[in-house]
């Protein structure tokens, strides 16, 4: 493993971060977060990423 390896932003991630920063600077972030509906997970996600029920403990 290289210790000096830098992390990089994807174009999509950088764009989303800039939208949040711009909304905060404009004073719109708090109102946007209040009005935003909760996003449900993708239904077409592979089964490895779908949430699993909690494990049952043996008594």
PDB file of N, CA and C in Angstrom:
ATOM      1  N   UNK A   1       0.838  -1.173   0.000  1.00  0.00           N
ATOM      2  CA  UNK A   1       0.000   0.000   0.000  1.00  0.00           C
ATOM      3  C   UNK A   1       0.887   1.242   0.000  1.00  0.00           C
ATOM      4  N   UNK A   2       0.493   2.200  -0.765  1.00  0.00           N
ATOM      5  CA  UNK A   2       1.247   3.437  -0.862  1.00  0.00           C
ATOM      6  C   UNK A   2       0.720   4.414   0.180  1.00  0.00           C
ATOM      7  N   UNK A   3       1.589   4.912   1.037  1.00  0.00           N
ATOM      8  CA  UNK A   3       1.156   5.793   2.112  1.00  0.00           C
ATOM      9  C   UNK A   3       0.835   7.199   1.625  1.00  0.00           C
ATOM     10  N   UNK A   4       1.443   7.636   0.541  1.00  0.00           N
ATOM     11  CA  UNK A   4       1.238   9.008   0.088  1.00  0.00           C
ATOM     12  C   UNK A   4       0.147   9.118  -0.971  1.00  0.00           C
ATOM     13  N   UNK A   5      -0.659   8.067  -1.112  1.00  0.00           N
ATOM     14  CA  UNK A   5      -1.724   8.101  -2.104  1.00  0.00           C
ATOM     15  C   UNK A   5      -2.809   9.074  -1.659  1.00  0.00           C
ATOM     16  N   UNK A   6      -3.218   9.949  -2.544  1.00  0.00           N
ATOM     17  CA  UNK A   6      -4.213  10.964  -2.249  1.00  0.00           C
ATOM     18  C   UNK A   6      -5.619  10.452  -2.563  1.00  0.00           C
ATOM     19  N   UNK A   7      -6.604  10.915  -1.807  1.00  0.00           N
ATOM     20  CA  UNK A   7      -7.995  10.600  -2.132  1.00  0.00           C
ATOM     21  C   UNK A   7      -8.434  11.519  -3.266  1.00  0.00           C
ATOM     22  N   UNK A   8      -9.365  11.041  -4.070  1.00  0.00           N
ATOM     23  CA  UNK A   8      -9.843  11.844  -5.191  1.00  0.00           C
ATOM     24  C   UNK A   8     -11.367  11.904  -5.165  1.00  0.00           C
ATOM     25  N   UNK A   9     -11.913  13.014  -5.621  1.00  0.00           N
ATOM     26  CA  UNK A   9     -13.349  13.191  -5.750  1.00  0.00           C
ATOM     27  C   UNK A   9     -13.783  12.709  -7.122  1.00  0.00           C
ATOM     28  N   UNK A  10     -14.939  12.057  -7.172  1.00  0.00           N
ATOM     29  CA  UNK A  10     -15.543  11.763  -8.465  1.00  0.00           C
ATOM     30  C   UNK A  10     -16.216  13.053  -8.937  1.00  0.00           C
ATOM     31  N   UNK A  11     -16.496  13.158 -10.217  1.00  0.00           N
ATOM     32  CA  UNK A  11     -17.162  14.360 -10.727  1.00  0.00           C
ATOM     33  C   UNK A  11     -18.540  14.518 -10.097  1.00  0.00           C
ATOM     34  N   UNK A  12     -19.263  13.415  -9.945  1.00  0.00           N
ATOM     35  CA  UNK A  12     -20.602  13.479  -9.348  1.00  0.00           C
ATOM     36  C   UNK A  12     -20.515  13.923  -7.889  1.00  0.00           C
ATOM     37  N   UNK A  13     -19.573  13.354  -7.128  1.00  0.00           N
ATOM     38  CA  UNK A  13     -19.426  13.717  -5.723  1.00  0.00           C
ATOM     39  C   UNK A  13     -19.027  15.178  -5.536  1.00  0.00           C
ATOM     40  N   UNK A  14     -18.127  15.662  -6.386  1.00  0.00           N
ATOM     41  CA  UNK A  14     -17.705  17.059  -6.305  1.00  0.00           C
ATOM     42  C   UNK A  14     -18.865  17.993  -6.650  1.00  0.00           C
ATOM     43  N   UNK A  15     -19.659  17.615  -7.640  1.00  0.00           N
ATOM     44  CA  UNK A  15     -20.809  18.432  -8.038  1.00  0.00           C
ATOM     45  C   UNK A  15     -21.833  18.509  -6.899  1.00  0.00           C
ATOM     46  N   UNK A  16     -22.106  17.373  -6.252  1.00  0.00           N
ATOM     47  CA  UNK A  16     -23.067  17.361  -5.153  1.00  0.00           C
ATOM     48  C   UNK A  16     -22.566  18.191  -3.970  1.00  0.00           C
ATOM     49  N   UNK A  17     -21.271  18.108  -3.666  1.00  0.00           N
ATOM     50  CA  UNK A  17     -20.701  18.902  -2.586  1.00  0.00           C
ATOM     51  C   UNK A  17     -20.828  20.394  -2.888  1.00  0.00           C
ATOM     52  N   UNK A  18     -20.573  20.787  -4.125  1.00  0.00           N
ATOM     53  CA  UNK A  18     -20.674  22.199  -4.493  1.00  0.00           C
ATOM     54  C   UNK A  18     -22.119  22.696  -4.409  1.00  0.00           C
ATOM     55  N   UNK A  19     -23.088  21.832  -4.691  1.00  0.00           N
ATOM     56  CA  UNK A  19     -24.486  22.233  -4.542  1.00  0.00           C
ATOM     57  C   UNK A  19     -24.817  22.507  -3.078  1.00  0.00           C
ATOM     58  N   UNK A  20     -24.300  21.678  -2.189  1.00  0.00           N
ATOM     59  CA  UNK A  20     -24.538  21.877  -0.759  1.00  0.00           C
ATOM     60  C   UNK A  20     -23.860  23.151  -0.285  1.00  0.00           C
ATOM     61  N   UNK A  21     -22.613  23.370  -0.697  1.00  0.00           N
ATOM     62  CA  UNK A  21     -21.893  24.580  -0.279  1.00  0.00           C
ATOM     63  C   UNK A  21     -22.582  25.843  -0.780  1.00  0.00           C
ATOM     64  N   UNK A  22     -23.033  25.825  -2.041  1.00  0.00           N
ATOM     65  CA  UNK A  22     -23.705  26.998  -2.604  1.00  0.00           C
ATOM     66  C   UNK A  22     -25.023  27.269  -1.877  1.00  0.00           C
ATOM     67  N   UNK A  23     -25.769  26.216  -1.550  1.00  0.00           N
ATOM     68  CA  UNK A  23     -27.031  26.396  -0.828  1.00  0.00           C
ATOM     69  C   UNK A  23     -26.780  26.957   0.568  1.00  0.00           C
ATOM     70  N   UNK A  24     -25.700  26.537   1.219  1.00  0.00           N
ATOM     71  CA  UNK A  24     -25.387  27.068   2.545  1.00  0.00           C
ATOM     72  C   UNK A  24     -25.008  28.545   2.466  1.00  0.00           C
ATOM     73  N   UNK A  25     -24.202  28.902   1.486  1.00  0.00           N
ATOM     74  CA  UNK A  25     -23.782  30.297   1.332  1.00  0.00           C
ATOM     75  C   UNK A  25     -24.987  31.187   1.029  1.00  0.00           C
ATOM     76  N   UNK A  26     -25.922  30.694   0.224  1.00  0.00           N
ATOM     77  CA  UNK A  26     -27.110  31.471  -0.134  1.00  0.00           C
ATOM     78  C   UNK A  26     -28.163  31.467   0.966  1.00  0.00           C
ATOM     79  N   UNK A  27     -27.960  30.705   2.034  1.00  0.00           N
ATOM     80  CA  UNK A  27     -28.919  30.646   3.128  1.00  0.00           C
ATOM     81  C   UNK A  27     -30.111  29.757   2.819  1.00  0.00           C
ATOM     82  N   UNK A  28     -30.012  28.858   1.855  1.00  0.00           N
ATOM     83  CA  UNK A  28     -31.131  28.006   1.451  1.00  0.00           C
ATOM     84  C   UNK A  28     -31.013  26.582   1.991  1.00  0.00           C
ATOM     85  N   UNK A  29     -29.889  26.216   2.559  1.00  0.00           N
ATOM     86  CA  UNK A  29     -29.651  24.825   2.935  1.00  0.00           C
ATOM     87  C   UNK A  29     -30.639  24.338   3.987  1.00  0.00           C
ATOM     88  N   UNK A  30     -30.853  25.118   5.033  1.00  0.00           N
ATOM     89  CA  UNK A  30     -31.756  24.700   6.109  1.00  0.00           C
ATOM     90  C   UNK A  30     -33.165  24.465   5.589  1.00  0.00           C
ATOM     91  N   UNK A  31     -33.664  25.359   4.738  1.00  0.00           N
ATOM     92  CA  UNK A  31     -35.010  25.197   4.189  1.00  0.00           C
ATOM     93  C   UNK A  31     -35.090  24.005   3.244  1.00  0.00           C
ATOM     94  N   UNK A  32     -34.042  23.775   2.471  1.00  0.00           N
ATOM     95  CA  UNK A  32     -34.034  22.626   1.558  1.00  0.00           C
ATOM     96  C   UNK A  32     -34.047  21.313   2.322  1.00  0.00           C
ATOM     97  N   UNK A  33     -33.307  21.248   3.430  1.00  0.00           N
ATOM     98  CA  UNK A  33     -33.270  20.020   4.210  1.00  0.00           C
ATOM     99  C   UNK A  33     -34.602  19.749   4.901  1.00  0.00           C
ATOM    100  N   UNK A  34     -35.293  20.797   5.313  1.00  0.00           N
ATOM    101  CA  UNK A  34     -36.595  20.612   5.951  1.00  0.00           C
ATOM    102  C   UNK A  34     -37.632  20.122   4.952  1.00  0.00           C
ATOM    103  N   UNK A  35     -37.590  20.635   3.723  1.00  0.00           N
ATOM    104  CA  UNK A  35     -38.602  20.318   2.721  1.00  0.00           C
ATOM    105  C   UNK A  35     -38.300  19.033   1.958  1.00  0.00           C
ATOM    106  N   UNK A  36     -37.069  18.527   2.056  1.00  0.00           N
ATOM    107  CA  UNK A  36     -36.681  17.354   1.262  1.00  0.00           C
ATOM    108  C   UNK A  36     -37.335  16.094   1.823  1.00  0.00           C
ATOM    109  N   UNK A  37     -37.978  15.308   0.965  1.00  0.00           N
ATOM    110  CA  UNK A  37     -38.558  14.044   1.440  1.00  0.00           C
ATOM    111  C   UNK A  37     -37.461  13.019   1.694  1.00  0.00           C
ATOM    112  N   UNK A  38     -37.755  12.059   2.552  1.00  0.00           N
ATOM    113  CA  UNK A  38     -36.802  10.990   2.834  1.00  0.00           C
ATOM    114  C   UNK A  38     -36.660  10.116   1.595  1.00  0.00           C
ATOM    115  N   UNK A  39     -35.426   9.833   1.199  1.00  0.00           N
ATOM    116  CA  UNK A  39     -35.184   9.006   0.022  1.00  0.00           C
ATOM    117  C   UNK A  39     -35.073   7.544   0.427  1.00  0.00           C
ATOM    118  N   UNK A  40     -35.892   6.707  -0.170  1.00  0.00           N
ATOM    119  CA  UNK A  40     -35.861   5.278   0.103  1.00  0.00           C
ATOM    120  C   UNK A  40     -34.766   4.626  -0.723  1.00  0.00           C
ATOM    121  N   UNK A  41     -34.205   3.503  -0.251  1.00  0.00           N
ATOM    122  CA  UNK A  41     -33.155   2.832  -1.021  1.00  0.00           C
ATOM    123  C   UNK A  41     -33.688   2.298  -2.348  1.00  0.00           C
ATOM    124  N   UNK A  42     -32.774   2.116  -3.276  1.00  0.00           N
ATOM    125  CA  UNK A  42     -33.125   1.579  -4.591  1.00  0.00           C
ATOM    126  C   UNK A  42     -33.720   0.182  -4.449  1.00  0.00           C
ATOM    127  N   UNK A  43     -34.828  -0.070  -5.131  1.00  0.00           N
ATOM    128  CA  UNK A  43     -35.441  -1.391  -5.076  1.00  0.00           C
ATOM    129  C   UNK A  43     -34.710  -2.383  -5.976  1.00  0.00           C
ATOM    130  N   UNK A  44     -33.997  -1.893  -6.982  1.00  0.00           N
ATOM    131  CA  UNK A  44     -33.297  -2.761  -7.914  1.00  0.00           C
ATOM    132  C   UNK A  44     -31.850  -3.011  -7.511  1.00  0.00           C
ATOM    133  N   UNK A  45     -31.499  -2.706  -6.270  1.00  0.00           N
ATOM    134  CA  UNK A  45     -30.125  -2.894  -5.812  1.00  0.00           C
ATOM    135  C   UNK A  45     -29.822  -4.388  -5.695  1.00  0.00           C
ATOM    136  N   UNK A  46     -28.573  -4.771  -5.927  1.00  0.00           N
ATOM    137  CA  UNK A  46     -28.214  -6.184  -5.751  1.00  0.00           C
ATOM    138  C   UNK A  46     -28.482  -6.636  -4.313  1.00  0.00           C
ATOM    139  N   UNK A  47     -28.782  -7.929  -4.089  1.00  0.00           N
ATOM    140  CA  UNK A  47     -29.139  -8.390  -2.746  1.00  0.00           C
ATOM    141  C   UNK A  47     -28.053  -8.159  -1.699  1.00  0.00           C
ATOM    142  N   UNK A  48     -26.800  -8.041  -2.108  1.00  0.00           N
ATOM    143  CA  UNK A  48     -25.729  -7.827  -1.127  1.00  0.00           C
ATOM    144  C   UNK A  48     -25.871  -6.467  -0.447  1.00  0.00           C
ATOM    145  N   UNK A  49     -26.519  -5.499  -1.114  1.00  0.00           N
ATOM    146  CA  UNK A  49     -26.650  -4.155  -0.565  1.00  0.00           C
ATOM    147  C   UNK A  49     -27.996  -3.920   0.107  1.00  0.00           C
ATOM    148  N   UNK A  50     -28.920  -4.857   0.000  1.00  0.00           N
ATOM    149  CA  UNK A  50     -30.225  -4.679   0.626  1.00  0.00           C
ATOM    150  C   UNK A  50     -30.099  -4.919   2.128  1.00  0.00           C
ATOM    151  N   UNK A  51     -30.834  -4.162   2.938  1.00  0.00           N
ATOM    152  CA  UNK A  51     -30.747  -4.359   4.380  1.00  0.00           C
ATOM    153  C   UNK A  51     -31.279  -5.731   4.774  1.00  0.00           C
ATOM    154  N   UNK A  52     -30.657  -6.318   5.779  1.00  0.00           N
ATOM    155  CA  UNK A  52     -31.047  -7.628   6.258  1.00  0.00           C
ATOM    156  C   UNK A  52     -31.676  -7.478   7.651  1.00  0.00           C
ATOM    157  N   UNK A  53     -32.608  -8.367   8.013  1.00  0.00           N
ATOM    158  CA  UNK A  53     -33.192  -8.270   9.359  1.00  0.00           C
ATOM    159  C   UNK A  53     -32.131  -8.540  10.423  1.00  0.00           C
ATOM    160  N   UNK A  54     -32.281  -7.974  11.596  1.00  0.00           N
ATOM    161  CA  UNK A  54     -31.291  -8.203  12.648  1.00  0.00           C
ATOM    162  C   UNK A  54     -31.236  -9.685  13.038  1.00  0.00           C
ATOM    163  N   UNK A  55     -30.084 -10.100  13.485  1.00  0.00           N
ATOM    164  CA  UNK A  55     -29.905 -11.486  13.915  1.00  0.00           C
ATOM    165  C   UNK A  55     -30.658 -11.720  15.214  1.00  0.00           C
ATOM    166  N   UNK A  56     -31.263 -12.885  15.307  1.00  0.00           N
ATOM    167  CA  UNK A  56     -31.975 -13.237  16.545  1.00  0.00           C
ATOM    168  C   UNK A  56     -30.974 -13.837  17.531  1.00  0.00           C
ATOM    169  N   UNK A  57     -31.047 -13.379  18.750  1.00  0.00           N
ATOM    170  CA  UNK A  57     -30.132 -13.901  19.777  1.00  0.00           C
ATOM    171  C   UNK A  57     -30.726 -15.145  20.417  1.00  0.00           C
ATOM    172  N   UNK A  58     -29.891 -16.130  20.637  1.00  0.00           N
ATOM    173  CA  UNK A  58     -30.335 -17.343  21.319  1.00  0.00           C
ATOM    174  C   UNK A  58     -30.420 -17.072  22.812  1.00  0.00           C
ATOM    175  N   UNK A  59     -31.502 -17.496  23.411  1.00  0.00           N
ATOM    176  CA  UNK A  59     -31.688 -17.248  24.856  1.00  0.00           C
ATOM    177  C   UNK A  59     -31.174 -18.396  25.670  1.00  0.00           C
TER     178      UNK A  59
END
